[in-house]
Structure formats: structure tokens, C-alpha cells
Amino acid sequence: MTDTTEEPPVIAQISQGMEVHDATGVPVGTVGAVQQPDTDVRPELPAGPAELFMATGYLLIDRGEQFENDVYVSGEQIDHVTGTGDGALVVLNASWTELDRAVD
């Protein structure tokens, strides 16, 4: 008998408050919100990218009060999660400059 169960997407392991680093190890911020793939919740991005993010799922990264714009990470930009509990870290497969800024 063959095991046909699929691994859940990495985004399913992510929760609000987790720290996020880009592909080069630079801290990006913390997870402010998580939307699973095929969500109906539209991110504050231009048409086109917004629909892609809705299809793949996305994270809203809280940059803190010292930065003007929060950023979005698509489900496809998430590489892996390391650690557990308060020490869990989301690692991206994209650099900081490749992330989409929230629009005002």
C-alpha cells in the first residue's frame, strides 16, 4: 500500500508573532498575520500580485513602528521553519529587496 498523504504546506506551520529572516539571514520582522492558500482575504497590494498571494497564501510581516511599510511574503517565498514555540523562526527563500511592500 502506498502512502498518498501530502505534507502540509510550510505556511501551515507558521503563526502570528514568529520572527522572520530573509534568504541572506537579515531579520525582516515578525509575522503579523497568516493567510492560508486560497484565502478570500485580499492583501493591500496592487491587482495581479494580490490575487497571486491569495492563491498561494501569504504572511503580513510587521516591521515595527520604526519602519513605514509592512511587507507581504507569498507562500512561495517561504523556505522553511526552524525551531519550535517562542524560538521558532521563519526563513524565506527571497531577499529583503524582493518582498512586496504594503500600499497605503
PDB file of N, CA and C in Angstrom:
ATOM      1  N   MET A   1       0.845  -1.174   0.000  1.00  0.00           N
ATOM      2  CA  MET A   1       0.000   0.000   0.000  1.00  0.00           C
ATOM      3  C   MET A   1       0.894   1.243   0.000  1.00  0.00           C
ATOM      4  N   THR A   2       0.580   2.192  -0.847  1.00  0.00           N
ATOM      5  CA  THR A   2       1.380   3.403  -0.986  1.00  0.00           C
ATOM      6  C   THR A   2       0.806   4.517  -0.124  1.00  0.00           C
ATOM      7  N   ASP A   3       1.678   5.250   0.545  1.00  0.00           N
ATOM      8  CA  ASP A   3       1.258   6.387   1.356  1.00  0.00           C
ATOM      9  C   ASP A   3       1.048   7.589   0.437  1.00  0.00           C
ATOM     10  N   THR A   4      -0.198   8.028   0.329  1.00  0.00           N
ATOM     11  CA  THR A   4      -0.509   9.143  -0.571  1.00  0.00           C
ATOM     12  C   THR A   4      -0.772  10.441   0.182  1.00  0.00           C
ATOM     13  N   THR A   5      -0.507  10.441   1.488  1.00  0.00           N
ATOM     14  CA  THR A   5      -0.723  11.672   2.240  1.00  0.00           C
ATOM     15  C   THR A   5       0.304  12.711   1.842  1.00  0.00           C
ATOM     16  N   GLU A   6      -0.152  13.923   1.708  1.00  0.00           N
ATOM     17  CA  GLU A   6       0.747  15.017   1.336  1.00  0.00           C
ATOM     18  C   GLU A   6       1.184  15.760   2.585  1.00  0.00           C
ATOM     19  N   GLU A   7       2.409  16.250   2.532  1.00  0.00           N
ATOM     20  CA  GLU A   7       2.891  17.099   3.616  1.00  0.00           C
ATOM     21  C   GLU A   7       2.113  18.410   3.577  1.00  0.00           C
ATOM     22  N   PRO A   8       1.730  18.942   4.743  1.00  0.00           N
ATOM     23  CA  PRO A   8       1.062  20.248   4.710  1.00  0.00           C
ATOM     24  C   PRO A   8       2.042  21.315   4.230  1.00  0.00           C
ATOM     25  N   PRO A   9       1.539  22.382   3.624  1.00  0.00           N
ATOM     26  CA  PRO A   9       2.454  23.436   3.170  1.00  0.00           C
ATOM     27  C   PRO A   9       3.172  24.065   4.369  1.00  0.00           C
ATOM     28  N   VAL A  10       4.361  24.591   4.123  1.00  0.00           N
ATOM     29  CA  VAL A  10       5.157  25.208   5.194  1.00  0.00           C
ATOM     30  C   VAL A  10       4.353  26.302   5.898  1.00  0.00           C
ATOM     31  N   ILE A  11       3.537  27.021   5.140  1.00  0.00           N
ATOM     32  CA  ILE A  11       2.767  28.124   5.721  1.00  0.00           C
ATOM     33  C   ILE A  11       1.846  27.636   6.842  1.00  0.00           C
ATOM     34  N   ALA A  12       1.456  26.359   6.820  1.00  0.00           N
ATOM     35  CA  ALA A  12       0.591  25.800   7.858  1.00  0.00           C
ATOM     36  C   ALA A  12       1.307  25.699   9.208  1.00  0.00           C
ATOM     37  N   GLN A  13       2.647  25.774   9.204  1.00  0.00           N
ATOM     38  CA  GLN A  13       3.437  25.694  10.439  1.00  0.00           C
ATOM     39  C   GLN A  13       3.672  27.064  11.071  1.00  0.00           C
ATOM     40  N   ILE A  14       3.198  28.121  10.425  1.00  0.00           N
ATOM     41  CA  ILE A  14       3.527  29.482  10.840  1.00  0.00           C
ATOM     42  C   ILE A  14       2.377  30.100  11.618  1.00  0.00           C
ATOM     43  N   SER A  15       2.734  30.824  12.674  1.00  0.00           N
ATOM     44  CA  SER A  15       1.722  31.509  13.471  1.00  0.00           C
ATOM     45  C   SER A  15       2.169  32.940  13.762  1.00  0.00           C
ATOM     46  N   GLN A  16       1.211  33.741  14.142  1.00  0.00           N
ATOM     47  CA  GLN A  16       1.451  35.152  14.431  1.00  0.00           C
ATOM     48  C   GLN A  16       2.508  35.291  15.521  1.00  0.00           C
ATOM     49  N   GLY A  17       3.398  36.272  15.347  1.00  0.00           N
ATOM     50  CA  GLY A  17       4.432  36.559  16.331  1.00  0.00           C
ATOM     51  C   GLY A  17       5.781  35.918  16.058  1.00  0.00           C
ATOM     52  N   MET A  18       5.833  34.964  15.110  1.00  0.00           N
ATOM     53  CA  MET A  18       7.113  34.321  14.803  1.00  0.00           C
ATOM     54  C   MET A  18       8.050  35.306  14.114  1.00  0.00           C
ATOM     55  N   GLU A  19       9.337  35.204  14.398  1.00  0.00           N
ATOM     56  CA  GLU A  19      10.345  36.049  13.756  1.00  0.00           C
ATOM     57  C   GLU A  19      10.590  35.554  12.336  1.00  0.00           C
ATOM     58  N   VAL A  20      10.892  36.504  11.424  1.00  0.00           N
ATOM     59  CA  VAL A  20      11.119  36.177  10.022  1.00  0.00           C
ATOM     60  C   VAL A  20      12.475  36.716   9.585  1.00  0.00           C
ATOM     61  N   HIS A  21      13.260  35.862   8.894  1.00  0.00           N
ATOM     62  CA  HIS A  21      14.540  36.267   8.301  1.00  0.00           C
ATOM     63  C   HIS A  21      14.474  36.024   6.805  1.00  0.00           C
ATOM     64  N   ASP A  22      15.159  36.881   6.037  1.00  0.00           N
ATOM     65  CA  ASP A  22      15.185  36.664   4.589  1.00  0.00           C
ATOM     66  C   ASP A  22      16.231  35.604   4.246  1.00  0.00           C
ATOM     67  N   ALA A  23      16.405  35.337   2.949  1.00  0.00           N
ATOM     68  CA  ALA A  23      17.307  34.271   2.493  1.00  0.00           C
ATOM     69  C   ALA A  23      18.759  34.528   2.857  1.00  0.00           C
ATOM     70  N   THR A  24      19.120  35.789   3.124  1.00  0.00           N
ATOM     71  CA  THR A  24      20.501  36.115   3.472  1.00  0.00           C
ATOM     72  C   THR A  24      20.713  36.163   4.984  1.00  0.00           C
ATOM     73  N   GLY A  25      19.654  35.874   5.761  1.00  0.00           N
ATOM     74  CA  GLY A  25      19.762  35.882   7.217  1.00  0.00           C
ATOM     75  C   GLY A  25      19.409  37.199   7.867  1.00  0.00           C
ATOM     76  N   VAL A  26      18.982  38.190   7.082  1.00  0.00           N
ATOM     77  CA  VAL A  26      18.628  39.505   7.621  1.00  0.00           C
ATOM     78  C   VAL A  26      17.249  39.431   8.290  1.00  0.00           C
ATOM     79  N   PRO A  27      17.125  39.886   9.540  1.00  0.00           N
ATOM     80  CA  PRO A  27      15.808  39.919  10.185  1.00  0.00           C
ATOM     81  C   PRO A  27      14.877  40.880   9.430  1.00  0.00           C
ATOM     82  N   VAL A  28      13.684  40.410   9.117  1.00  0.00           N
ATOM     83  CA  VAL A  28      12.725  41.190   8.342  1.00  0.00           C
ATOM     84  C   VAL A  28      11.636  41.768   9.234  1.00  0.00           C
ATOM     85  N   GLY A  29      11.282  41.068  10.297  1.00  0.00           N
ATOM     86  CA  GLY A  29      10.216  41.498  11.201  1.00  0.00           C
ATOM     87  C   GLY A  29       9.570  40.273  11.832  1.00  0.00           C
ATOM     88  N   THR A  30       8.326  40.443  12.275  1.00  0.00           N
ATOM     89  CA  THR A  30       7.579  39.330  12.854  1.00  0.00           C
ATOM     90  C   THR A  30       6.286  39.128  12.075  1.00  0.00           C
ATOM     91  N   VAL A  31       5.767  37.919  12.141  1.00  0.00           N
ATOM     92  CA  VAL A  31       4.525  37.599  11.443  1.00  0.00           C
ATOM     93  C   VAL A  31       3.376  38.327  12.137  1.00  0.00           C
ATOM     94  N   GLY A  32       2.718  39.211  11.375  1.00  0.00           N
ATOM     95  CA  GLY A  32       1.564  39.937  11.900  1.00  0.00           C
ATOM     96  C   GLY A  32       0.256  39.236  11.590  1.00  0.00           C
ATOM     97  N   ALA A  33       0.233  38.488  10.476  1.00  0.00           N
ATOM     98  CA  ALA A  33      -0.955  37.737  10.079  1.00  0.00           C
ATOM     99  C   ALA A  33      -0.545  36.637   9.114  1.00  0.00           C
ATOM    100  N   VAL A  34      -1.316  35.550   9.124  1.00  0.00           N
ATOM    101  CA  VAL A  34      -1.090  34.416   8.227  1.00  0.00           C
ATOM    102  C   VAL A  34      -2.392  34.137   7.501  1.00  0.00           C
ATOM    103  N   GLN A  35      -2.324  34.033   6.187  1.00  0.00           N
ATOM    104  CA  GLN A  35      -3.478  33.623   5.391  1.00  0.00           C
ATOM    105  C   GLN A  35      -3.088  32.365   4.624  1.00  0.00           C
ATOM    106  N   GLN A  36      -3.868  31.317   4.794  1.00  0.00           N
ATOM    107  CA  GLN A  36      -3.605  30.043   4.132  1.00  0.00           C
ATOM    108  C   GLN A  36      -3.925  30.150   2.638  1.00  0.00           C
ATOM    109  N   PRO A  37      -3.402  29.235   1.807  1.00  0.00           N
ATOM    110  CA  PRO A  37      -3.687  29.255   0.369  1.00  0.00           C
ATOM    111  C   PRO A  37      -5.188  29.263   0.082  1.00  0.00           C
ATOM    112  N   ASP A  38      -5.544  29.911  -1.023  1.00  0.00           N
ATOM    113  CA  ASP A  38      -6.928  30.046  -1.492  1.00  0.00           C
ATOM    114  C   ASP A  38      -7.794  30.851  -0.535  1.00  0.00           C
ATOM    115  N   THR A  39      -7.188  31.820   0.140  1.00  0.00           N
ATOM    116  CA  THR A  39      -7.925  32.693   1.037  1.00  0.00           C
ATOM    117  C   THR A  39      -8.781  33.686   0.244  1.00  0.00           C
ATOM    118  N   ASP A  40      -9.814  34.195   0.874  1.00  0.00           N
ATOM    119  CA  ASP A  40     -10.622  35.266   0.290  1.00  0.00           C
ATOM    120  C   ASP A  40     -10.191  36.626   0.830  1.00  0.00           C
ATOM    121  N   VAL A  41      -9.201  36.636   1.719  1.00  0.00           N
ATOM    122  CA  VAL A  41      -8.719  37.881   2.318  1.00  0.00           C
ATOM    123  C   VAL A  41      -7.674  38.493   1.397  1.00  0.00           C
ATOM    124  N   ARG A  42      -7.990  39.667   0.849  1.00  0.00           N
ATOM    125  CA  ARG A  42      -7.127  40.321  -0.138  1.00  0.00           C
ATOM    126  C   ARG A  42      -6.073  41.175   0.562  1.00  0.00           C
ATOM    127  N   PRO A  43      -4.781  40.967   0.247  1.00  0.00           N
ATOM    128  CA  PRO A  43      -3.737  41.819   0.832  1.00  0.00           C
ATOM    129  C   PRO A  43      -3.780  43.210   0.215  1.00  0.00           C
ATOM    130  N   GLU A  44      -3.194  44.167   0.898  1.00  0.00           N
ATOM    131  CA  GLU A  44      -3.145  45.545   0.406  1.00  0.00           C
ATOM    132  C   GLU A  44      -2.020  45.692  -0.610  1.00  0.00           C
ATOM    133  N   LEU A  45      -2.224  45.047  -1.761  1.00  0.00           N
ATOM    134  CA  LEU A  45      -1.267  45.068  -2.863  1.00  0.00           C
ATOM    135  C   LEU A  45      -2.027  45.380  -4.148  1.00  0.00           C
ATOM    136  N   PRO A  46      -1.325  45.825  -5.191  1.00  0.00           N
ATOM    137  CA  PRO A  46      -1.986  46.073  -6.476  1.00  0.00           C
ATOM    138  C   PRO A  46      -2.617  44.789  -7.032  1.00  0.00           C
ATOM    139  N   ALA A  47      -3.620  44.969  -7.907  1.00  0.00           N
ATOM    140  CA  ALA A  47      -4.242  43.826  -8.580  1.00  0.00           C
ATOM    141  C   ALA A  47      -3.161  43.038  -9.309  1.00  0.00           C
ATOM    142  N   GLY A  48      -3.328  41.766  -9.403  1.00  0.00           N
ATOM    143  CA  GLY A  48      -2.311  40.888 -10.003  1.00  0.00           C
ATOM    144  C   GLY A  48      -1.523  40.235  -8.891  1.00  0.00           C
ATOM    145  N   PRO A  49      -0.576  40.966  -8.280  1.00  0.00           N
ATOM    146  CA  PRO A  49       0.140  40.372  -7.150  1.00  0.00           C
ATOM    147  C   PRO A  49      -0.806  39.954  -6.022  1.00  0.00           C
ATOM    148  N   ALA A  50      -1.837  40.756  -5.766  1.00  0.00           N
ATOM    149  CA  ALA A  50      -2.766  40.421  -4.683  1.00  0.00           C
ATOM    150  C   ALA A  50      -3.428  39.072  -4.927  1.00  0.00           C
ATOM    151  N   GLU A  51      -3.871  38.827  -6.156  1.00  0.00           N
ATOM    152  CA  GLU A  51      -4.534  37.560  -6.465  1.00  0.00           C
ATOM    153  C   GLU A  51      -3.562  36.380  -6.370  1.00  0.00           C
ATOM    154  N   LEU A  52      -2.322  36.581  -6.785  1.00  0.00           N
ATOM    155  CA  LEU A  52      -1.304  35.537  -6.651  1.00  0.00           C
ATOM    156  C   LEU A  52      -1.093  35.184  -5.182  1.00  0.00           C
ATOM    157  N   PHE A  53      -0.969  36.196  -4.333  1.00  0.00           N
ATOM    158  CA  PHE A  53      -0.751  35.961  -2.910  1.00  0.00           C
ATOM    159  C   PHE A  53      -1.950  35.240  -2.296  1.00  0.00           C
ATOM    160  N   MET A  54      -3.160  35.584  -2.731  1.00  0.00           N
ATOM    161  CA  MET A  54      -4.363  34.921  -2.221  1.00  0.00           C
ATOM    162  C   MET A  54      -4.351  33.437  -2.597  1.00  0.00           C
ATOM    163  N   ALA A  55      -3.868  33.118  -3.786  1.00  0.00           N
ATOM    164  CA  ALA A  55      -3.830  31.725  -4.248  1.00  0.00           C
ATOM    165  C   ALA A  55      -2.773  30.903  -3.505  1.00  0.00           C
ATOM    166  N   THR A  56      -1.611  31.510  -3.231  1.00  0.00           N
ATOM    167  CA  THR A  56      -0.510  30.763  -2.609  1.00  0.00           C
ATOM    168  C   THR A  56      -0.496  30.870  -1.093  1.00  0.00           C
ATOM    169  N   GLY A  57      -1.352  31.740  -0.542  1.00  0.00           N
ATOM    170  CA  GLY A  57      -1.287  32.058   0.870  1.00  0.00           C
ATOM    171  C   GLY A  57      -0.213  33.109   1.071  1.00  0.00           C
ATOM    172  N   TYR A  58      -0.267  33.815   2.188  1.00  0.00           N
ATOM    173  CA  TYR A  58       0.723  34.861   2.412  1.00  0.00           C
ATOM    174  C   TYR A  58       0.860  35.200   3.890  1.00  0.00           C
ATOM    175  N   LEU A  59       1.960  35.865   4.190  1.00  0.00           N
ATOM    176  CA  LEU A  59       2.216  36.400   5.517  1.00  0.00           C
ATOM    177  C   LEU A  59       2.248  37.914   5.421  1.00  0.00           C
ATOM    178  N   LEU A  60       1.718  38.588   6.411  1.00  0.00           N
ATOM    179  CA  LEU A  60       1.921  40.025   6.572  1.00  0.00           C
ATOM    180  C   LEU A  60       3.006  40.153   7.628  1.00  0.00           C
ATOM    181  N   ILE A  61       4.110  40.780   7.261  1.00  0.00           N
ATOM    182  CA  ILE A  61       5.248  40.926   8.175  1.00  0.00           C
ATOM    183  C   ILE A  61       5.196  42.310   8.804  1.00  0.00           C
ATOM    184  N   ASP A  62       5.129  42.322  10.122  1.00  0.00           N
ATOM    185  CA  ASP A  62       5.107  43.566  10.890  1.00  0.00           C
ATOM    186  C   ASP A  62       6.543  44.032  11.051  1.00  0.00           C
ATOM    187  N   ARG A  63       6.830  45.204  10.521  1.00  0.00           N
ATOM    188  CA  ARG A  63       8.184  45.754  10.554  1.00  0.00           C
ATOM    189  C   ARG A  63       8.452  46.564  11.819  1.00  0.00           C
ATOM    190  N   GLY A  64       7.461  46.753  12.660  1.00  0.00           N
ATOM    191  CA  GLY A  64       7.646  47.548  13.862  1.00  0.00           C
ATOM    192  C   GLY A  64       7.369  49.015  13.584  1.00  0.00           C
ATOM    193  N   GLU A  65       7.306  49.798  14.612  1.00  0.00           N
ATOM    194  CA  GLU A  65       6.934  51.205  14.480  1.00  0.00           C
ATOM    195  C   GLU A  65       8.003  52.061  13.831  1.00  0.00           C
ATOM    196  N   GLN A  66       9.263  51.631  13.839  1.00  0.00           N
ATOM    197  CA  GLN A  66      10.337  52.442  13.264  1.00  0.00           C
ATOM    198  C   GLN A  66      10.341  52.413  11.742  1.00  0.00           C
ATOM    199  N   PHE A  67       9.573  51.503  11.123  1.00  0.00           N
ATOM    200  CA  PHE A  67       9.514  51.405   9.664  1.00  0.00           C
ATOM    201  C   PHE A  67       8.135  51.808   9.186  1.00  0.00           C
ATOM    202  N   GLU A  68       8.071  52.422   7.990  1.00  0.00           N
ATOM    203  CA  GLU A  68       6.806  52.910   7.483  1.00  0.00           C
ATOM    204  C   GLU A  68       5.897  51.809   6.960  1.00  0.00           C
ATOM    205  N   ASN A  69       6.411  50.941   6.116  1.00  0.00           N
ATOM    206  CA  ASN A  69       5.555  49.942   5.479  1.00  0.00           C
ATOM    207  C   ASN A  69       5.826  48.539   5.978  1.00  0.00           C
ATOM    208  N   ASP A  70       4.730  47.818   6.202  1.00  0.00           N
ATOM    209  CA  ASP A  70       4.850  46.396   6.438  1.00  0.00           C
ATOM    210  C   ASP A  70       5.071  45.741   5.081  1.00  0.00           C
ATOM    211  N   VAL A  71       5.435  44.471   5.073  1.00  0.00           N
ATOM    212  CA  VAL A  71       5.668  43.761   3.815  1.00  0.00           C
ATOM    213  C   VAL A  71       4.856  42.479   3.785  1.00  0.00           C
ATOM    214  N   TYR A  72       4.638  41.991   2.571  1.00  0.00           N
ATOM    215  CA  TYR A  72       3.948  40.726   2.362  1.00  0.00           C
ATOM    216  C   TYR A  72       4.926  39.693   1.820  1.00  0.00           C
ATOM    217  N   VAL A  73       4.715  38.453   2.224  1.00  0.00           N
ATOM    218  CA  VAL A  73       5.504  37.329   1.748  1.00  0.00           C
ATOM    219  C   VAL A  73       4.523  36.307   1.193  1.00  0.00           C
ATOM    220  N   SER A  74       4.698  35.916  -0.063  1.00  0.00           N
ATOM    221  CA  SER A  74       3.806  34.893  -0.635  1.00  0.00           C
ATOM    222  C   SER A  74       4.186  33.528  -0.083  1.00  0.00           C
ATOM    223  N   GLY A  75       3.259  32.598  -0.158  1.00  0.00           N
ATOM    224  CA  GLY A  75       3.534  31.237   0.289  1.00  0.00           C
ATOM    225  C   GLY A  75       4.721  30.632  -0.430  1.00  0.00           C
ATOM    226  N   GLU A  76       4.950  31.053  -1.687  1.00  0.00           N
ATOM    227  CA  GLU A  76       6.064  30.533  -2.468  1.00  0.00           C
ATOM    228  C   GLU A  76       7.417  31.094  -2.032  1.00  0.00           C
ATOM    229  N   GLN A  77       7.423  32.176  -1.253  1.00  0.00           N
ATOM    230  CA  GLN A  77       8.674  32.780  -0.791  1.00  0.00           C
ATOM    231  C   GLN A  77       9.117  32.240   0.566  1.00  0.00           C
ATOM    232  N   ILE A  78       8.355  31.326   1.131  1.00  0.00           N
ATOM    233  CA  ILE A  78       8.688  30.743   2.434  1.00  0.00           C
ATOM    234  C   ILE A  78       9.509  29.485   2.199  1.00  0.00           C
ATOM    235  N   ASP A  79      10.722  29.449   2.749  1.00  0.00           N
ATOM    236  CA  ASP A  79      11.588  28.286   2.576  1.00  0.00           C
ATOM    237  C   ASP A  79      11.306  27.226   3.631  1.00  0.00           C
ATOM    238  N   HIS A  80      11.456  27.586   4.904  1.00  0.00           N
ATOM    239  CA  HIS A  80      11.237  26.611   5.970  1.00  0.00           C
ATOM    240  C   HIS A  80      11.059  27.319   7.311  1.00  0.00           C
ATOM    241  N   VAL A  81      10.682  26.521   8.306  1.00  0.00           N
ATOM    242  CA  VAL A  81      10.546  26.994   9.680  1.00  0.00           C
ATOM    243  C   VAL A  81      11.518  26.186  10.521  1.00  0.00           C
ATOM    244  N   THR A  82      12.276  26.880  11.372  1.00  0.00           N
ATOM    245  CA  THR A  82      13.185  26.184  12.284  1.00  0.00           C
ATOM    246  C   THR A  82      12.743  26.438  13.714  1.00  0.00           C
ATOM    247  N   GLY A  83      13.048  25.504  14.580  1.00  0.00           N
ATOM    248  CA  GLY A  83      12.722  25.663  15.994  1.00  0.00           C
ATOM    249  C   GLY A  83      11.245  25.459  16.268  1.00  0.00           C
ATOM    250  N   THR A  84      10.899  25.582  17.546  1.00  0.00           N
ATOM    251  CA  THR A  84       9.511  25.446  17.976  1.00  0.00           C
ATOM    252  C   THR A  84       9.192  26.479  19.038  1.00  0.00           C
ATOM    253  N   GLY A  85       7.924  26.688  19.262  1.00  0.00           N
ATOM    254  CA  GLY A  85       7.488  27.600  20.317  1.00  0.00           C
ATOM    255  C   GLY A  85       8.013  29.006  20.118  1.00  0.00           C
ATOM    256  N   ASP A  86       8.438  29.632  21.217  1.00  0.00           N
ATOM    257  CA  ASP A  86       8.915  31.020  21.158  1.00  0.00           C
ATOM    258  C   ASP A  86      10.190  31.168  20.337  1.00  0.00           C
ATOM    259  N   GLY A  87      10.942  30.081  20.131  1.00  0.00           N
ATOM    260  CA  GLY A  87      12.186  30.145  19.376  1.00  0.00           C
ATOM    261  C   GLY A  87      12.025  29.852  17.899  1.00  0.00           C
ATOM    262  N   ALA A  88      10.783  29.676  17.443  1.00  0.00           N
ATOM    263  CA  ALA A  88      10.557  29.335  16.033  1.00  0.00           C
ATOM    264  C   ALA A  88      10.905  30.517  15.137  1.00  0.00           C
ATOM    265  N   LEU A  89      11.464  30.199  13.981  1.00  0.00           N
ATOM    266  CA  LEU A  89      11.922  31.206  13.035  1.00  0.00           C
ATOM    267  C   LEU A  89      11.474  30.825  11.631  1.00  0.00           C
ATOM    268  N   VAL A  90      10.908  31.780  10.913  1.00  0.00           N
ATOM    269  CA  VAL A  90      10.513  31.586   9.522  1.00  0.00           C
ATOM    270  C   VAL A  90      11.669  32.066   8.651  1.00  0.00           C
ATOM    271  N   VAL A  91      12.142  31.203   7.745  1.00  0.00           N
ATOM    272  CA  VAL A  91      13.235  31.550   6.844  1.00  0.00           C
ATOM    273  C   VAL A  91      12.675  31.605   5.422  1.00  0.00           C
ATOM    274  N   LEU A  92      12.946  32.700   4.748  1.00  0.00           N
ATOM    275  CA  LEU A  92      12.447  32.905   3.393  1.00  0.00           C
ATOM    276  C   LEU A  92      13.451  32.432   2.354  1.00  0.00           C
ATOM    277  N   ASN A  93      12.986  32.245   1.121  1.00  0.00           N
ATOM    278  CA  ASN A  93      13.886  31.923   0.011  1.00  0.00           C
ATOM    279  C   ASN A  93      14.067  33.144  -0.892  1.00  0.00           C
ATOM    280  N   ALA A  94      13.715  34.314  -0.362  1.00  0.00           N
ATOM    281  CA  ALA A  94      13.834  35.583  -1.086  1.00  0.00           C
ATOM    282  C   ALA A  94      14.575  36.579  -0.199  1.00  0.00           C
ATOM    283  N   SER A  95      15.234  37.537  -0.841  1.00  0.00           N
ATOM    284  CA  SER A  95      15.922  38.573  -0.068  1.00  0.00           C
ATOM    285  C   SER A  95      14.946  39.698   0.267  1.00  0.00           C
ATOM    286  N   TRP A  96      15.346  40.516   1.196  1.00  0.00           N
ATOM    287  CA  TRP A  96      14.537  41.647   1.640  1.00  0.00           C
ATOM    288  C   TRP A  96      14.071  42.507   0.461  1.00  0.00           C
ATOM    289  N   THR A  97      14.928  42.755  -0.499  1.00  0.00           N
ATOM    290  CA  THR A  97      14.599  43.635  -1.620  1.00  0.00           C
ATOM    291  C   THR A  97      13.544  43.034  -2.552  1.00  0.00           C
ATOM    292  N   GLU A  98      13.326  41.727  -2.478  1.00  0.00           N
ATOM    293  CA  GLU A  98      12.348  41.059  -3.338  1.00  0.00           C
ATOM    294  C   GLU A  98      10.943  41.013  -2.740  1.00  0.00           C
ATOM    295  N   LEU A  99      10.764  41.488  -1.519  1.00  0.00           N
ATOM    296  CA  LEU A  99       9.472  41.412  -0.871  1.00  0.00           C
ATOM    297  C   LEU A  99       8.572  42.570  -1.276  1.00  0.00           C
ATOM    298  N   ASP A 100       7.252  42.319  -1.273  1.00  0.00           N
ATOM    299  CA  ASP A 100       6.276  43.320  -1.697  1.00  0.00           C
ATOM    300  C   ASP A 100       5.860  44.184  -0.522  1.00  0.00           C
ATOM    301  N   ARG A 101       5.949  45.501  -0.710  1.00  0.00           N
ATOM    302  CA  ARG A 101       5.561  46.457   0.338  1.00  0.00           C
ATOM    303  C   ARG A 101       4.052  46.652   0.336  1.00  0.00           C
ATOM    304  N   ALA A 102       3.477  46.775   1.512  1.00  0.00           N
ATOM    305  CA  ALA A 102       2.057  47.092   1.622  1.00  0.00           C
ATOM    306  C   ALA A 102       1.834  48.493   1.083  1.00  0.00           C
ATOM    307  N   VAL A 103       0.693  48.711   0.445  1.00  0.00           N
ATOM    308  CA  VAL A 103       0.369  50.030  -0.089  1.00  0.00           C
ATOM    309  C   VAL A 103      -0.562  50.730   0.895  1.00  0.00           C
ATOM    310  N   ASP A 104      -0.406  52.039   0.971  1.00  0.00           N
ATOM    311  CA  ASP A 104      -1.270  52.826   1.876  1.00  0.00           C
ATOM    312  C   ASP A 104      -2.565  53.202   1.210  1.00  0.00           C
TER     313      ASP A 104
END
